[in-house]
Structures are given as structure tokens and as C-alpha cells.
Amino acid sequence: MAVGYIAAFWTVSVLLILVPGADWAYAIAAGLRERSVLPAVGGLLLGYVALTAVVAAGVAAVVDRNPVVLTALTVFGGLYLMWLGGTTLASAGTPAALPEQANPAPWGTSVLRGIGISGLNPKAILLFLALLPQFTDRTGSWPLAAQIGTLGLIHTLSCAAIYLCVGVLARTVLRARPTAARIVTRVSGVAMIIIGTLLLVERLL
């Protein structure tokens, strides 16, 4: 697999990761509410590892060709994001939402939420389906699945670096600013609800 393919994919991957979305909102919320951002970010990364495996196995192509499966996945993912945004908004209005007073969620819960946000996002599945194969070398000696797996790992590592920075910066900068922390938490919750709603509207209408 040529280095040029990897470099080109990495550039596009980083640019896409830098666009704020549900992952950013979750990383920020975890930075403000949890003792560590590692479980939340780890969950997001596991979701992308799962998506990479799905694309490498060719399952995503089947999902893309089956409107019923894709619609069901979109509805489930959208509702999940809306529910998570609602719980984030509800906690933002209580004193426990302050970083120094927060009741952290169990690590397992944070990990599962992260997997749900990245792994159940139909836009991410379609993005992986459309993006990863475009940067593979069909004439090279590497099997296609190995190339997709490598590119998926590169994307996941880039996500790890950026989302850890986002979560840690949110915690460091806003920890001593309770009012600003509440505002950012509310914005994160609203962002999740809006993204979930747009997923539903786009798919169902």
C-alpha cells in the first residue's frame, strides 16, 4: 500500500474529525462531568473500530443497499442521540453538573455511550463505506480488507488524539468556571438533540 494513499487519507480524515459533531459534544460533556475522559473517548474509538471491521467485511455495503435496515439504524441512532442529549440537558440544570461536584458515571456506562454515539451513527457508516475504499490500492499486494483495516486504524488513532484534547481542554479550561461549564454542557446536549433530529428528519422525510 503506497504511502501516498495513506497520507492523502490521513489529511482528509483529520479535516473531517475537526468538524464538530456528536463526538465532540460527547467528549466535551465527558470532560466536564466525568473524572476522566478516557472511558468516553475509548467508547468512541471502539465504535470506529467496529465500523472499520464492518466495512472491511463488506457488511456495510449490504446495509447501504437495504433501505429497511438503514432506516431502522438511522431511527435507532437518532433516538439514542436525542435521549443522550436530553439527559445531558437535564443534568446541566442541577448543582451536580458542576465539574467539581459531578457524580461520575461508571466507566462501563461511559464506554457504552461512546460506542453507541460513534458505532450507531448511520452517517459514519456511510462515510466509512464511501471514504475508505477510495484510498485503497486495488493493484497493490495488500488485500483490500487489510488496507481498509489500516486506514480505519489511522482514522481511529487520529480520533483518539483529537477527542482526548477536546475533552481535556474542556475540563481544564471550564473546571473553574461553573457558569461557563453549564452553558457548554447545555450546548452539548442541544447539539446531540439537533443532530439526532436531523438524522430522523433526513431519513424519514
C-alpha atoms as a PDB file:
ATOM      1  CA  MET A   1       0.000   0.000   0.000  1.00  0.00           C
ATOM      2  CA  ALA A   2       1.583   3.251  -1.158  1.00  0.00           C
ATOM      3  CA  VAL A   3       2.476   5.924   1.405  1.00  0.00           C
ATOM      4  CA  GLY A   4       0.752   8.494  -0.789  1.00  0.00           C
ATOM      5  CA  TYR A   5      -2.621   6.794  -0.298  1.00  0.00           C
ATOM      6  CA  ILE A   6      -2.133   6.758   3.464  1.00  0.00           C
ATOM      7  CA  ALA A   7      -1.033  10.413   3.605  1.00  0.00           C
ATOM      8  CA  ALA A   8      -3.950  11.557   1.465  1.00  0.00           C
ATOM      9  CA  PHE A   9      -6.444   9.634   3.585  1.00  0.00           C
ATOM     10  CA  TRP A  10      -4.953  10.925   6.841  1.00  0.00           C
ATOM     11  CA  THR A  11      -5.286  14.524   5.639  1.00  0.00           C
ATOM     12  CA  VAL A  12      -8.947  14.069   4.735  1.00  0.00           C
ATOM     13  CA  SER A  13      -9.597  12.113   7.930  1.00  0.00           C
ATOM     14  CA  VAL A  14      -8.200  14.832  10.201  1.00  0.00           C
ATOM     15  CA  LEU A  15     -10.191  17.530   8.424  1.00  0.00           C
ATOM     16  CA  LEU A  16     -13.391  15.537   8.923  1.00  0.00           C
ATOM     17  CA  ILE A  17     -12.624  14.868  12.594  1.00  0.00           C
ATOM     18  CA  LEU A  18     -12.071  18.582  13.214  1.00  0.00           C
ATOM     19  CA  VAL A  19     -15.663  19.312  12.176  1.00  0.00           C
ATOM     20  CA  PRO A  20     -17.658  19.435  15.452  1.00  0.00           C
ATOM     21  CA  GLY A  21     -20.451  16.920  15.794  1.00  0.00           C
ATOM     22  CA  ALA A  22     -21.899  14.392  18.214  1.00  0.00           C
ATOM     23  CA  ASP A  23     -18.427  13.025  19.049  1.00  0.00           C
ATOM     24  CA  TRP A  24     -17.228  16.490  20.043  1.00  0.00           C
ATOM     25  CA  ALA A  25     -20.341  17.098  22.114  1.00  0.00           C
ATOM     26  CA  TYR A  26     -19.876  13.832  23.982  1.00  0.00           C
ATOM     27  CA  ALA A  27     -16.147  14.403  24.572  1.00  0.00           C
ATOM     28  CA  ILE A  28     -16.857  17.891  25.948  1.00  0.00           C
ATOM     29  CA  ALA A  29     -19.660  16.634  28.176  1.00  0.00           C
ATOM     30  CA  ALA A  30     -17.417  13.862  29.497  1.00  0.00           C
ATOM     31  CA  GLY A  31     -14.637  16.346  30.163  1.00  0.00           C
ATOM     32  CA  LEU A  32     -16.991  18.454  32.260  1.00  0.00           C
ATOM     33  CA  ARG A  33     -18.867  15.707  34.097  1.00  0.00           C
ATOM     34  CA  GLU A  34     -16.509  12.743  34.500  1.00  0.00           C
ATOM     35  CA  ARG A  35     -13.311  12.278  36.494  1.00  0.00           C
ATOM     36  CA  SER A  36     -11.579  11.033  33.337  1.00  0.00           C
ATOM     37  CA  VAL A  37     -12.344  11.407  29.651  1.00  0.00           C
ATOM     38  CA  LEU A  38     -10.647   8.089  28.843  1.00  0.00           C
ATOM     39  CA  PRO A  39     -13.760   5.858  29.128  1.00  0.00           C
ATOM     40  CA  ALA A  40     -15.872   8.158  26.936  1.00  0.00           C
ATOM     41  CA  VAL A  41     -13.190   8.603  24.296  1.00  0.00           C
ATOM     42  CA  GLY A  42     -12.377   4.901  24.485  1.00  0.00           C
ATOM     43  CA  GLY A  43     -16.006   4.112  23.724  1.00  0.00           C
ATOM     44  CA  LEU A  44     -15.971   6.427  20.698  1.00  0.00           C
ATOM     45  CA  LEU A  45     -12.829   4.694  19.441  1.00  0.00           C
ATOM     46  CA  LEU A  46     -14.307   1.221  19.918  1.00  0.00           C
ATOM     47  CA  GLY A  47     -17.278   2.334  17.846  1.00  0.00           C
ATOM     48  CA  TYR A  48     -14.973   3.326  14.991  1.00  0.00           C
ATOM     49  CA  VAL A  49     -13.032   0.071  15.291  1.00  0.00           C
ATOM     50  CA  ALA A  50     -16.338  -1.772  14.914  1.00  0.00           C
ATOM     51  CA  LEU A  51     -17.253   0.325  11.863  1.00  0.00           C
ATOM     52  CA  THR A  52     -13.874  -0.417  10.328  1.00  0.00           C
ATOM     53  CA  ALA A  53     -14.450  -4.135  10.811  1.00  0.00           C
ATOM     54  CA  VAL A  54     -17.919  -3.839   9.285  1.00  0.00           C
ATOM     55  CA  VAL A  55     -16.629  -2.041   6.189  1.00  0.00           C
ATOM     56  CA  ALA A  56     -13.680  -4.421   5.806  1.00  0.00           C
ATOM     57  CA  ALA A  57     -16.065  -7.373   5.943  1.00  0.00           C
ATOM     58  CA  GLY A  58     -18.313  -5.812   3.308  1.00  0.00           C
ATOM     59  CA  VAL A  59     -21.342  -5.770   5.590  1.00  0.00           C
ATOM     60  CA  ALA A  60     -21.817  -2.019   5.242  1.00  0.00           C
ATOM     61  CA  ALA A  61     -22.468  -2.423   1.523  1.00  0.00           C
ATOM     62  CA  VAL A  62     -25.353  -4.754   2.329  1.00  0.00           C
ATOM     63  CA  VAL A  63     -26.738  -2.250   4.841  1.00  0.00           C
ATOM     64  CA  ASP A  64     -26.448   0.544   2.307  1.00  0.00           C
ATOM     65  CA  ARG A  65     -28.410  -1.434  -0.278  1.00  0.00           C
ATOM     66  CA  ASN A  66     -31.176  -2.359   2.149  1.00  0.00           C
ATOM     67  CA  PRO A  67     -33.379   0.688   2.871  1.00  0.00           C
ATOM     68  CA  VAL A  68     -35.249  -1.025   5.719  1.00  0.00           C
ATOM     69  CA  VAL A  69     -32.078  -1.863   7.643  1.00  0.00           C
ATOM     70  CA  LEU A  70     -30.608   1.579   7.074  1.00  0.00           C
ATOM     71  CA  THR A  71     -33.832   3.300   8.121  1.00  0.00           C
ATOM     72  CA  ALA A  72     -34.062   1.234  11.298  1.00  0.00           C
ATOM     73  CA  LEU A  73     -30.418   2.003  12.112  1.00  0.00           C
ATOM     74  CA  THR A  74     -30.948   5.710  11.482  1.00  0.00           C
ATOM     75  CA  VAL A  75     -34.052   5.875  13.676  1.00  0.00           C
ATOM     76  CA  PHE A  76     -32.347   3.989  16.494  1.00  0.00           C
ATOM     77  CA  GLY A  77     -29.199   6.102  16.280  1.00  0.00           C
ATOM     78  CA  GLY A  78     -31.160   9.358  16.091  1.00  0.00           C
ATOM     79  CA  LEU A  79     -33.349   8.485  19.057  1.00  0.00           C
ATOM     80  CA  TYR A  80     -30.302   7.436  21.052  1.00  0.00           C
ATOM     81  CA  LEU A  81     -28.588  10.767  20.416  1.00  0.00           C
ATOM     82  CA  MET A  82     -31.760  12.662  21.348  1.00  0.00           C
ATOM     83  CA  TRP A  83     -32.092  10.675  24.592  1.00  0.00           C
ATOM     84  CA  LEU A  84     -28.456  11.261  25.489  1.00  0.00           C
ATOM     85  CA  GLY A  85     -28.803  14.976  24.714  1.00  0.00           C
ATOM     86  CA  GLY A  86     -31.912  15.160  26.888  1.00  0.00           C
ATOM     87  CA  THR A  87     -30.159  13.567  29.851  1.00  0.00           C
ATOM     88  CA  THR A  88     -27.225  15.943  29.378  1.00  0.00           C
ATOM     89  CA  LEU A  89     -29.565  18.944  29.402  1.00  0.00           C
ATOM     90  CA  ALA A  90     -31.370  17.661  32.486  1.00  0.00           C
ATOM     91  CA  SER A  91     -28.123  17.304  34.423  1.00  0.00           C
ATOM     92  CA  ALA A  92     -26.899  20.734  33.311  1.00  0.00           C
ATOM     93  CA  GLY A  93     -29.579  22.445  35.353  1.00  0.00           C
ATOM     94  CA  THR A  94     -28.578  20.835  38.640  1.00  0.00           C
ATOM     95  CA  PRO A  95     -25.727  21.660  41.008  1.00  0.00           C
ATOM     96  CA  ALA A  96     -24.278  18.199  40.320  1.00  0.00           C
ATOM     97  CA  ALA A  97     -23.455  19.391  36.828  1.00  0.00           C
ATOM     98  CA  LEU A  98     -20.583  21.452  38.218  1.00  0.00           C
ATOM     99  CA  PRO A  99     -17.320  19.671  37.388  1.00  0.00           C
ATOM    100  CA  GLU A 100     -16.065  19.634  40.960  1.00  0.00           C
ATOM    101  CA  GLN A 101     -19.376  18.249  42.248  1.00  0.00           C
ATOM    102  CA  ALA A 102     -20.236  15.872  39.425  1.00  0.00           C
ATOM    103  CA  ASN A 103     -21.329  12.307  40.133  1.00  0.00           C
ATOM    104  CA  PRO A 104     -19.297  10.449  37.502  1.00  0.00           C
ATOM    105  CA  ALA A 105     -20.916   7.655  35.563  1.00  0.00           C
ATOM    106  CA  PRO A 106     -19.390   4.171  35.853  1.00  0.00           C
ATOM    107  CA  TRP A 107     -16.623   3.558  33.345  1.00  0.00           C
ATOM    108  CA  GLY A 108     -18.645   0.861  31.625  1.00  0.00           C
ATOM    109  CA  THR A 109     -21.561   3.237  31.094  1.00  0.00           C
ATOM    110  CA  SER A 110     -19.318   5.907  29.581  1.00  0.00           C
ATOM    111  CA  VAL A 111     -17.727   3.364  27.258  1.00  0.00           C
ATOM    112  CA  LEU A 112     -21.092   2.000  26.086  1.00  0.00           C
ATOM    113  CA  ARG A 113     -22.424   5.501  25.459  1.00  0.00           C
ATOM    114  CA  GLY A 114     -19.376   6.304  23.367  1.00  0.00           C
ATOM    115  CA  ILE A 115     -19.765   3.115  21.343  1.00  0.00           C
ATOM    116  CA  GLY A 116     -23.418   3.991  20.750  1.00  0.00           C
ATOM    117  CA  ILE A 117     -22.624   7.506  19.559  1.00  0.00           C
ATOM    118  CA  SER A 118     -19.942   6.564  17.029  1.00  0.00           C
ATOM    119  CA  GLY A 119     -20.896   2.989  16.196  1.00  0.00           C
ATOM    120  CA  LEU A 120     -24.631   3.559  15.694  1.00  0.00           C
ATOM    121  CA  ASN A 121     -24.267   6.697  13.616  1.00  0.00           C
ATOM    122  CA  PRO A 122     -25.533   5.814  10.119  1.00  0.00           C
ATOM    123  CA  LYS A 123     -23.753   8.836   8.656  1.00  0.00           C
ATOM    124  CA  ALA A 124     -20.474   7.432   9.972  1.00  0.00           C
ATOM    125  CA  ILE A 125     -21.227   4.049   8.397  1.00  0.00           C
ATOM    126  CA  LEU A 126     -21.940   5.626   5.023  1.00  0.00           C
ATOM    127  CA  LEU A 127     -18.897   7.876   5.387  1.00  0.00           C
ATOM    128  CA  PHE A 128     -16.666   4.873   6.036  1.00  0.00           C
ATOM    129  CA  LEU A 129     -18.299   2.995   3.180  1.00  0.00           C
ATOM    130  CA  ALA A 130     -17.703   5.861   0.749  1.00  0.00           C
ATOM    131  CA  LEU A 131     -14.358   7.099   2.082  1.00  0.00           C
ATOM    132  CA  LEU A 132     -12.167   4.127   2.971  1.00  0.00           C
ATOM    133  CA  PRO A 133     -12.360   2.257  -0.365  1.00  0.00           C
ATOM    134  CA  GLN A 134     -11.428   5.439  -2.267  1.00  0.00           C
ATOM    135  CA  PHE A 135      -7.941   5.404  -0.730  1.00  0.00           C
ATOM    136  CA  THR A 136      -7.127   1.751  -1.334  1.00  0.00           C
ATOM    137  CA  ASP A 137      -4.735   0.473  -3.973  1.00  0.00           C
ATOM    138  CA  ARG A 138      -6.503  -2.202  -5.991  1.00  0.00           C
ATOM    139  CA  THR A 139      -3.271  -3.056  -7.839  1.00  0.00           C
ATOM    140  CA  GLY A 140      -1.157  -3.430  -4.715  1.00  0.00           C
ATOM    141  CA  SER A 141      -0.094  -6.584  -2.933  1.00  0.00           C
ATOM    142  CA  TRP A 142      -2.140  -5.863   0.212  1.00  0.00           C
ATOM    143  CA  PRO A 143      -5.580  -7.500   0.482  1.00  0.00           C
ATOM    144  CA  LEU A 144      -8.404  -4.965   0.317  1.00  0.00           C
ATOM    145  CA  ALA A 145      -9.603  -5.828   3.834  1.00  0.00           C
ATOM    146  CA  ALA A 146      -6.093  -5.227   5.226  1.00  0.00           C
ATOM    147  CA  GLN A 147      -5.889  -1.838   3.519  1.00  0.00           C
ATOM    148  CA  ILE A 148      -9.289  -0.781   4.861  1.00  0.00           C
ATOM    149  CA  GLY A 149      -8.315  -2.007   8.321  1.00  0.00           C
ATOM    150  CA  THR A 150      -5.117   0.045   8.209  1.00  0.00           C
ATOM    151  CA  LEU A 151      -6.925   3.198   7.116  1.00  0.00           C
ATOM    152  CA  GLY A 152      -9.589   2.653   9.759  1.00  0.00           C
ATOM    153  CA  LEU A 153      -6.883   2.314  12.417  1.00  0.00           C
ATOM    154  CA  ILE A 154      -5.282   5.557  11.248  1.00  0.00           C
ATOM    155  CA  HIS A 155      -8.638   7.323  11.489  1.00  0.00           C
ATOM    156  CA  THR A 156      -9.228   5.862  14.956  1.00  0.00           C
ATOM    157  CA  LEU A 157      -5.808   6.990  16.217  1.00  0.00           C
ATOM    158  CA  SER A 158      -6.443  10.482  14.864  1.00  0.00           C
ATOM    159  CA  CYS A 159      -9.799  10.499  16.663  1.00  0.00           C
ATOM    160  CA  ALA A 160      -8.042   9.443  19.869  1.00  0.00           C
ATOM    161  CA  ALA A 161      -5.599  12.360  19.764  1.00  0.00           C
ATOM    162  CA  ILE A 162      -8.190  15.000  18.863  1.00  0.00           C
ATOM    163  CA  TYR A 163     -11.026  13.866  21.135  1.00  0.00           C
ATOM    164  CA  LEU A 164      -8.696  13.465  24.117  1.00  0.00           C
ATOM    165  CA  CYS A 165      -7.510  17.040  23.553  1.00  0.00           C
ATOM    166  CA  VAL A 166     -11.105  18.262  23.265  1.00  0.00           C
ATOM    167  CA  GLY A 167     -12.175  16.529  26.478  1.00  0.00           C
ATOM    168  CA  VAL A 168      -9.107  17.531  28.499  1.00  0.00           C
ATOM    169  CA  LEU A 169      -9.262  21.153  27.302  1.00  0.00           C
ATOM    170  CA  ALA A 170     -12.948  21.354  28.179  1.00  0.00           C
ATOM    171  CA  ARG A 171     -12.201  20.065  31.652  1.00  0.00           C
ATOM    172  CA  THR A 172      -9.106  22.230  32.200  1.00  0.00           C
ATOM    173  CA  VAL A 173     -10.477  25.488  30.834  1.00  0.00           C
ATOM    174  CA  LEU A 174     -14.004  25.264  32.234  1.00  0.00           C
ATOM    175  CA  ARG A 175     -13.425  23.467  35.539  1.00  0.00           C
ATOM    176  CA  ALA A 176     -13.035  26.727  37.462  1.00  0.00           C
ATOM    177  CA  ARG A 177     -15.879  28.398  35.563  1.00  0.00           C
ATOM    178  CA  PRO A 178     -19.130  26.728  36.706  1.00  0.00           C
ATOM    179  CA  THR A 179     -21.416  29.077  34.768  1.00  0.00           C
ATOM    180  CA  ALA A 180     -19.482  28.598  31.536  1.00  0.00           C
ATOM    181  CA  ALA A 181     -19.398  24.857  32.185  1.00  0.00           C
ATOM    182  CA  ARG A 182     -23.195  24.754  32.498  1.00  0.00           C
ATOM    183  CA  ILE A 183     -23.573  26.714  29.262  1.00  0.00           C
ATOM    184  CA  VAL A 184     -21.204  24.412  27.373  1.00  0.00           C
ATOM    185  CA  THR A 185     -22.967  21.344  28.814  1.00  0.00           C
ATOM    186  CA  ARG A 186     -26.331  22.704  27.638  1.00  0.00           C
ATOM    187  CA  VAL A 187     -24.903  23.460  24.201  1.00  0.00           C
ATOM    188  CA  SER A 188     -23.530  19.899  24.003  1.00  0.00           C
ATOM    189  CA  GLY A 189     -26.926  18.486  24.960  1.00  0.00           C
ATOM    190  CA  VAL A 190     -28.735  20.656  22.423  1.00  0.00           C
ATOM    191  CA  ALA A 191     -26.208  19.669  19.734  1.00  0.00           C
ATOM    192  CA  MET A 192     -26.897  15.974  20.330  1.00  0.00           C
ATOM    193  CA  ILE A 193     -30.653  16.544  20.154  1.00  0.00           C
ATOM    194  CA  ILE A 194     -30.346  18.585  16.943  1.00  0.00           C
ATOM    195  CA  ILE A 195     -28.077  16.017  15.284  1.00  0.00           C
ATOM    196  CA  GLY A 196     -30.414  13.194  16.290  1.00  0.00           C
ATOM    197  CA  THR A 197     -33.432  15.111  14.996  1.00  0.00           C
ATOM    198  CA  LEU A 198     -31.748  15.889  11.686  1.00  0.00           C
ATOM    199  CA  LEU A 199     -30.893  12.208  11.233  1.00  0.00           C
ATOM    200  CA  LEU A 200     -34.550  11.275  11.723  1.00  0.00           C
ATOM    201  CA  VAL A 201     -35.924  14.034   9.506  1.00  0.00           C
ATOM    202  CA  GLU A 202     -33.422  13.397   6.720  1.00  0.00           C
ATOM    203  CA  ARG A 203     -34.092   9.672   6.642  1.00  0.00           C
ATOM    204  CA  LEU A 204     -37.839   9.599   7.234  1.00  0.00           C
ATOM    205  CA  LEU A 205     -38.787  12.541   5.030  1.00  0.00           C
END
